[in-house]
């Protein structure tokens, strides 16, 4: 193949230029070789630039793909972090509930503050080494902690219920005097009748009072009677819901009505001298499952123990 044909295949447009180069090649072969070398370098440089552009485009496409994958991985990691944060929030709420419940139980059970201080962190420690925790292990630990919180909450709720019931039972047992700053003028049992003489069984205890002095409920309960009874005058009776009924007699005025809920220490009447009485006082009786009992064992905070 001649030089002219090669140049034509390369797409050189000028035939006259080819002729000149051909003639020059015959007269000056060195110059012709330089021209050919320069043309080869130009063609090679053009091919190299084209290859570099293609390679750059390929690298950019690869970088773009990696960026998309990185963004997707970041979004997935953020979703997992948000899910863990939600579980952590639930555990924190359960921990706060348990702390509040523990504080209530500490107060209800009258426990020492130093033994159950829920405001201070629990001391912990341990030896190394420390390693990274895989996500699966973290999820297992969170699930275990959640189950422990749930079980502890259930147990503490049962304990709170028991303590609450005990407090209700304790408050429903007569355990205080029906009038403040007074003294007993007549005890329970056999005595001489103060009006007509002769023997009489006194069903309660009489307390010195002035007309209008507050008469107080000795325990929590519901007013089961408020009115006049023969010999007793104006009477209030309270059913404490555990077999106990207390009676307060000879009042000048009644403050409660049947069905009213009363608390220990609440004023239910004003002292007086109505009914069969020689003067202002409070007649106080305690009935245990329909049987009248000596009120003295219930007075001044002494608990009643039934055998």
Protein backbone atom coordinates (compact mmCIF):
# COMPACT_ATOMS: atom_id res chain seq x y z
CA UNK A 1 0.00 0.00 0.00
CA UNK A 2 1.48 3.42 -1.03
CA UNK A 3 1.87 6.42 1.24
CA UNK A 4 -0.81 8.26 -0.69
CA UNK A 5 -3.35 5.54 -0.09
CA UNK A 6 -2.59 5.50 3.64
CA UNK A 7 -3.16 9.22 3.96
CA UNK A 8 -6.37 9.01 1.99
CA UNK A 9 -7.59 6.28 4.36
CA UNK A 10 -6.77 8.61 7.27
CA UNK A 11 -9.11 11.14 5.79
CA UNK A 12 -6.50 13.80 4.61
CA UNK A 13 -8.59 16.02 2.31
CA UNK A 14 -5.94 17.63 0.01
CA UNK A 15 -4.62 15.55 -2.89
CA UNK A 16 -2.15 18.31 -3.83
CA UNK A 17 -0.70 18.15 -0.34
CA UNK A 18 -0.20 14.44 -0.82
CA UNK A 19 1.58 15.02 -4.08
CA UNK A 20 3.87 17.57 -2.48
CA UNK A 21 4.64 15.25 0.39
CA UNK A 22 5.31 12.43 -2.06
CA UNK A 23 7.70 14.59 -4.10
CA UNK A 24 9.33 15.86 -0.92
CA UNK A 25 9.75 12.30 0.28
CA UNK A 26 11.76 11.52 -2.80
CA UNK A 27 13.97 14.59 -2.49
CA UNK A 28 14.18 14.94 1.36
CA UNK A 29 13.45 11.71 3.17
CA UNK A 30 14.40 13.14 6.63
CA UNK A 31 11.82 15.91 6.51
CA UNK A 32 9.21 13.46 5.33
CA UNK A 33 9.92 11.19 8.26
CA UNK A 34 9.49 14.12 10.67
CA UNK A 35 6.16 15.01 9.13
CA UNK A 36 4.98 11.43 9.44
CA UNK A 37 6.14 11.26 13.05
CA UNK A 38 4.32 14.48 13.91
CA UNK A 39 1.17 13.25 12.26
CA UNK A 40 1.38 10.02 14.25
CA UNK A 41 1.82 11.92 17.49
CA UNK A 42 -1.20 14.09 16.73
CA UNK A 43 -3.32 11.06 15.93
CA UNK A 44 -2.08 9.24 19.05
CA UNK A 45 -2.71 12.26 21.28
CA UNK A 46 -6.26 12.55 19.94
CA UNK A 47 -6.87 8.89 20.67
CA UNK A 48 -5.38 9.28 24.16
CA UNK A 49 -7.59 12.29 24.92
CA UNK A 50 -10.62 10.35 23.75
CA UNK A 51 -9.76 7.37 25.96
CA UNK A 52 -9.17 9.65 28.98
CA UNK A 53 -12.59 11.24 28.51
CA UNK A 54 -14.27 7.86 28.39
CA UNK A 55 -12.36 6.70 31.48
CA UNK A 56 -13.30 9.89 33.37
CA UNK A 57 -16.95 9.37 32.53
CA UNK A 58 -16.77 5.79 33.73
CA UNK A 59 -15.14 6.84 37.03
CA UNK A 60 -17.74 9.59 37.54
CA UNK A 61 -20.54 7.10 36.97
CA UNK A 62 -18.94 4.75 39.49
CA UNK A 63 -18.60 7.57 42.04
CA UNK A 64 -22.22 8.57 41.50
CA UNK A 65 -23.32 4.98 42.03
CA UNK A 66 -21.25 4.70 45.21
CA UNK A 67 -22.74 7.98 46.48
CA UNK A 68 -26.26 6.66 45.91
CA UNK A 69 -25.36 3.46 47.78
CA UNK A 70 -23.76 5.51 50.58
CA UNK A 71 -26.86 7.72 50.88
CA UNK A 72 -29.08 4.63 51.03
CA UNK A 73 -26.85 3.07 53.71
CA UNK A 74 -26.93 6.31 55.70
CA UNK A 75 -30.73 6.51 55.47
CA UNK A 76 -31.04 2.88 56.58
CA UNK A 77 -28.66 3.47 59.50
CA UNK A 78 -30.67 6.55 60.54
CA UNK A 79 -33.88 4.53 60.49
CA UNK A 80 -32.27 1.95 62.76
CA UNK A 81 -31.03 4.70 65.09
CA UNK A 82 -34.53 6.20 65.22
CA UNK A 83 -35.98 2.80 66.04
CA UNK A 84 -33.45 2.30 68.83
CA UNK A 85 -34.17 5.80 70.11
CA UNK A 86 -37.88 4.98 70.23
CA UNK A 87 -37.19 1.82 72.24
CA UNK A 88 -34.86 3.77 74.51
CA UNK A 89 -37.63 6.31 75.10
CA UNK A 90 -40.03 3.53 76.07
CA UNK A 91 -37.47 2.07 78.48
CA UNK A 92 -36.85 5.51 80.00
CA UNK A 93 -40.60 5.93 80.51
CA UNK A 94 -40.78 2.53 82.21
CA UNK A 95 -37.77 3.41 84.37
CA UNK A 96 -39.43 6.68 85.43
CA UNK A 97 -42.62 4.80 86.26
CA UNK A 98 -40.72 2.25 88.33
CA UNK A 99 -38.85 5.01 90.17
CA UNK A 100 -42.09 6.83 90.98
CA UNK A 101 -43.69 3.57 92.06
CA UNK A 102 -40.68 2.73 94.21
CA UNK A 103 -40.83 6.12 95.90
CA UNK A 104 -44.53 5.63 96.69
CA UNK A 105 -43.83 2.19 98.10
CA UNK A 106 -40.96 3.60 100.18
CA UNK A 107 -43.31 6.13 101.72
CA UNK A 108 -46.19 3.68 102.11
CA UNK A 109 -43.98 1.02 103.68
CA UNK A 110 -42.18 3.61 105.81
CA UNK A 111 -38.82 2.33 104.58
CA UNK A 112 -35.55 4.09 105.31
CA UNK A 113 -34.67 6.67 102.65
CA UNK A 114 -31.04 5.62 102.55
CA UNK A 115 -31.94 2.07 101.60
CA UNK A 116 -34.24 3.06 98.72
CA UNK A 117 -32.97 6.31 97.20
CA UNK A 118 -34.31 6.44 93.64
CA UNK A 119 -32.69 9.80 92.82
CA UNK A 120 -29.15 8.42 92.82
CA UNK A 121 -27.64 6.26 90.05
CA UNK A 122 -26.90 2.64 90.86
CA UNK A 123 -23.14 2.06 91.38
CA UNK A 124 -21.67 -0.39 88.82
CA UNK A 125 -18.25 -1.51 87.59
CA UNK A 126 -16.31 -4.27 85.87
CA UNK A 127 -12.98 -5.28 84.36
CA UNK A 128 -12.00 -5.02 80.66
CA UNK A 129 -11.39 -5.53 77.87
CA UNK A 130 -14.25 -3.72 76.11
CA UNK A 131 -15.36 -4.61 72.59
CA UNK A 132 -17.81 -3.17 70.11
CA UNK A 133 -21.35 -4.45 70.53
CA UNK A 134 -23.02 -5.78 67.37
CA UNK A 135 -26.47 -4.47 66.56
CA UNK A 136 -28.09 -7.89 67.03
CA UNK A 137 -26.62 -8.18 70.52
CA UNK A 138 -27.79 -4.67 71.39
CA UNK A 139 -31.32 -5.56 70.32
CA UNK A 140 -31.23 -8.69 72.48
CA UNK A 141 -30.02 -6.70 75.48
CA UNK A 142 -32.75 -4.10 75.00
CA UNK A 143 -35.40 -6.82 74.72
CA UNK A 144 -34.13 -8.47 77.91
CA UNK A 145 -34.14 -5.14 79.75
CA UNK A 146 -37.67 -4.43 78.56
CA UNK A 147 -38.89 -7.80 79.84
CA UNK A 148 -37.20 -7.20 83.20
CA UNK A 149 -38.81 -3.76 83.49
CA UNK A 150 -42.22 -5.21 82.69
CA UNK A 151 -41.86 -7.98 85.27
CA UNK A 152 -40.57 -5.55 87.91
CA UNK A 153 -43.44 -3.17 87.22
CA UNK A 154 -45.98 -5.93 87.65
CA UNK A 155 -44.43 -7.07 90.92
CA UNK A 156 -44.24 -3.54 92.29
CA UNK A 157 -47.85 -2.89 91.27
CA UNK A 158 -48.96 -5.97 93.20
CA UNK A 159 -46.91 -4.84 96.20
CA UNK A 160 -48.43 -1.35 95.98
CA UNK A 161 -51.90 -2.86 95.88
CA UNK A 162 -51.17 -4.96 98.94
CA UNK A 163 -49.78 -1.98 100.85
CA UNK A 164 -52.74 0.13 99.79
CA UNK A 165 -55.16 -2.53 100.99
CA UNK A 166 -53.25 -2.78 104.26
CA UNK A 167 -53.49 0.99 104.65
CA UNK A 168 -57.22 0.85 103.94
CA UNK A 169 -57.65 -1.93 106.48
CA UNK A 170 -55.60 -0.03 109.03
CA UNK A 171 -57.56 3.20 108.50
CA UNK A 172 -60.84 1.29 108.76
CA UNK A 173 -60.02 -0.05 112.23
CA UNK A 174 -61.02 2.23 115.14
CA UNK A 175 -57.75 3.59 116.44
CA UNK A 176 -58.26 7.04 117.93
CA UNK A 177 -60.34 8.98 120.47
CA UNK A 178 -63.73 10.33 119.37
CA UNK A 179 -62.96 13.70 120.95
CA UNK A 180 -59.73 15.60 121.41
CA UNK A 181 -58.20 16.66 124.72
CA UNK A 182 -60.70 14.85 126.91
CA UNK A 183 -60.83 12.06 129.46
CA UNK A 184 -63.03 9.07 130.28
CA UNK A 185 -65.79 9.72 132.80
CA UNK A 186 -67.41 6.26 132.68
CA UNK A 187 -65.97 2.98 131.49
CA UNK A 188 -67.28 -0.09 129.67
CA UNK A 189 -69.18 -2.82 131.53
CA UNK A 190 -71.20 -3.05 134.72
CA UNK A 191 -71.85 0.13 136.68
CA UNK A 192 -74.45 1.90 138.82
CA UNK A 193 -76.98 3.69 136.66
CA UNK A 194 -76.29 7.46 137.02
CA UNK A 195 -79.98 8.46 136.76
CA UNK A 196 -82.10 6.01 138.74
CA UNK A 197 -79.44 3.93 140.42
CA UNK A 198 -79.31 0.17 140.33
CA UNK A 199 -77.02 -1.99 138.20
CA UNK A 200 -76.55 -1.31 134.51
CA UNK A 201 -74.35 -2.72 131.76
CA UNK A 202 -72.69 0.23 130.05
CA UNK A 203 -72.11 -0.62 126.39
CA UNK A 204 -69.55 2.05 125.72
CA UNK A 205 -67.23 4.67 127.16
CA UNK A 206 -68.20 8.22 128.08
CA UNK A 207 -65.86 11.16 127.39
CA UNK A 208 -66.09 14.56 129.05
CA UNK A 209 -67.18 17.28 126.58
CA UNK A 210 -68.65 20.72 126.31
CA UNK A 211 -71.71 21.39 124.20
CA UNK A 212 -70.57 22.02 120.65
CA UNK A 213 -67.20 20.27 120.91
CA UNK A 214 -66.25 18.41 117.69
CA UNK A 215 -67.09 14.71 117.67
CA UNK A 216 -64.60 12.87 115.43
CA UNK A 217 -64.79 9.64 113.42
CA UNK A 218 -62.32 7.14 114.83
CA UNK A 219 -61.74 5.44 111.44
CA UNK A 220 -62.69 5.59 107.75
CA UNK A 221 -66.17 4.42 106.91
CA UNK A 222 -69.68 5.23 105.71
CA UNK A 223 -72.45 6.77 107.81
CA UNK A 224 -75.00 3.99 108.28
CA UNK A 225 -77.32 5.84 110.69
CA UNK A 226 -77.87 9.49 111.60
CA UNK A 227 -80.89 10.27 113.78
CA UNK A 228 -82.49 9.73 117.14
CA UNK A 229 -82.33 6.49 119.10
CA UNK A 230 -84.20 5.85 122.35
CA UNK A 231 -82.02 6.76 125.31
CA UNK A 232 -79.12 7.80 123.06
CA UNK A 233 -80.51 11.08 121.77
CA UNK A 234 -78.92 12.26 118.52
CA UNK A 235 -76.78 9.41 117.23
CA UNK A 236 -74.30 8.87 114.38
CA UNK A 237 -73.26 5.33 113.46
CA UNK A 238 -70.42 4.54 111.05
CA UNK A 239 -69.93 1.22 109.26
CA UNK A 240 -66.21 0.67 108.62
CA UNK A 241 -66.74 -2.17 106.14
CA UNK A 242 -64.75 -4.80 108.00
CA UNK A 243 -67.27 -5.91 110.60
CA UNK A 244 -66.70 -2.87 112.81
CA UNK A 245 -69.44 -0.31 113.52
CA UNK A 246 -68.92 2.66 115.83
CA UNK A 247 -71.64 4.67 117.58
CA UNK A 248 -71.47 8.29 118.82
CA UNK A 249 -74.39 9.37 121.05
CA UNK A 250 -75.94 12.30 122.98
CA UNK A 251 -74.88 14.84 120.32
CA UNK A 252 -76.36 18.32 120.13
CA UNK A 253 -76.11 18.37 116.34
CA UNK A 254 -75.44 15.84 113.57
CA UNK A 255 -73.25 16.85 110.62
CA UNK A 256 -73.40 13.72 108.49
CA UNK A 257 -76.12 11.96 106.55
CA UNK A 258 -76.60 8.28 105.77
CA UNK A 259 -74.33 7.26 102.92
CA UNK A 260 -71.68 9.91 103.55
CA UNK A 261 -68.07 8.76 103.29
CA UNK A 262 -66.04 9.88 106.29
CA UNK A 263 -62.35 9.75 107.08
CA UNK A 264 -60.59 9.10 110.35
CA UNK A 265 -60.47 12.33 112.35
CA UNK A 266 -63.29 13.98 110.40
CA UNK A 267 -65.91 15.87 112.43
CA UNK A 268 -69.27 14.11 112.24
CA UNK A 269 -71.27 15.79 115.03
CA UNK A 270 -71.20 18.32 117.87
CA UNK A 271 -71.19 17.10 121.44
CA UNK A 272 -74.25 17.61 123.62
CA UNK A 273 -76.53 16.08 126.25
CA UNK A 274 -79.50 14.78 124.29
CA UNK A 275 -81.28 11.57 125.28
CA UNK A 276 -80.81 9.92 128.64
CA UNK A 277 -77.92 12.01 129.96
CA UNK A 278 -76.92 14.01 133.02
CA UNK A 279 -74.68 16.43 131.14
CA UNK A 280 -72.68 17.10 127.98
CA UNK A 281 -70.47 14.17 127.02
CA UNK A 282 -69.71 11.79 124.14
CA UNK A 283 -70.92 8.22 124.47
CA UNK A 284 -68.79 5.98 122.26
CA UNK A 285 -69.47 2.33 121.38
CA UNK A 286 -67.68 -0.23 119.15
CA UNK A 287 -69.52 -3.21 117.61
CA UNK A 288 -67.61 -6.13 116.13
CA UNK A 289 -69.76 -8.22 113.76
CA UNK A 290 -72.91 -7.44 115.72
CA UNK A 291 -71.35 -7.89 119.18
CA UNK A 292 -70.56 -4.91 121.39
CA UNK A 293 -66.93 -4.85 122.60
CA UNK A 294 -64.86 -2.74 124.94
CA UNK A 295 -63.73 0.38 123.01
CA UNK A 296 -60.72 0.94 125.23
CA UNK A 297 -58.51 -1.39 123.18
CA UNK A 298 -59.08 0.84 120.13
CA UNK A 299 -58.27 4.19 121.71
CA UNK A 300 -55.26 6.45 121.41
CA UNK A 301 -53.73 4.67 118.42
CA UNK A 302 -53.68 1.18 119.95
CA UNK A 303 -54.52 -1.34 117.25
CA UNK A 304 -57.28 -3.88 117.65
CA UNK A 305 -56.34 -7.52 117.42
CA UNK A 306 -59.16 -9.99 117.12
CA UNK A 307 -58.44 -13.58 118.02
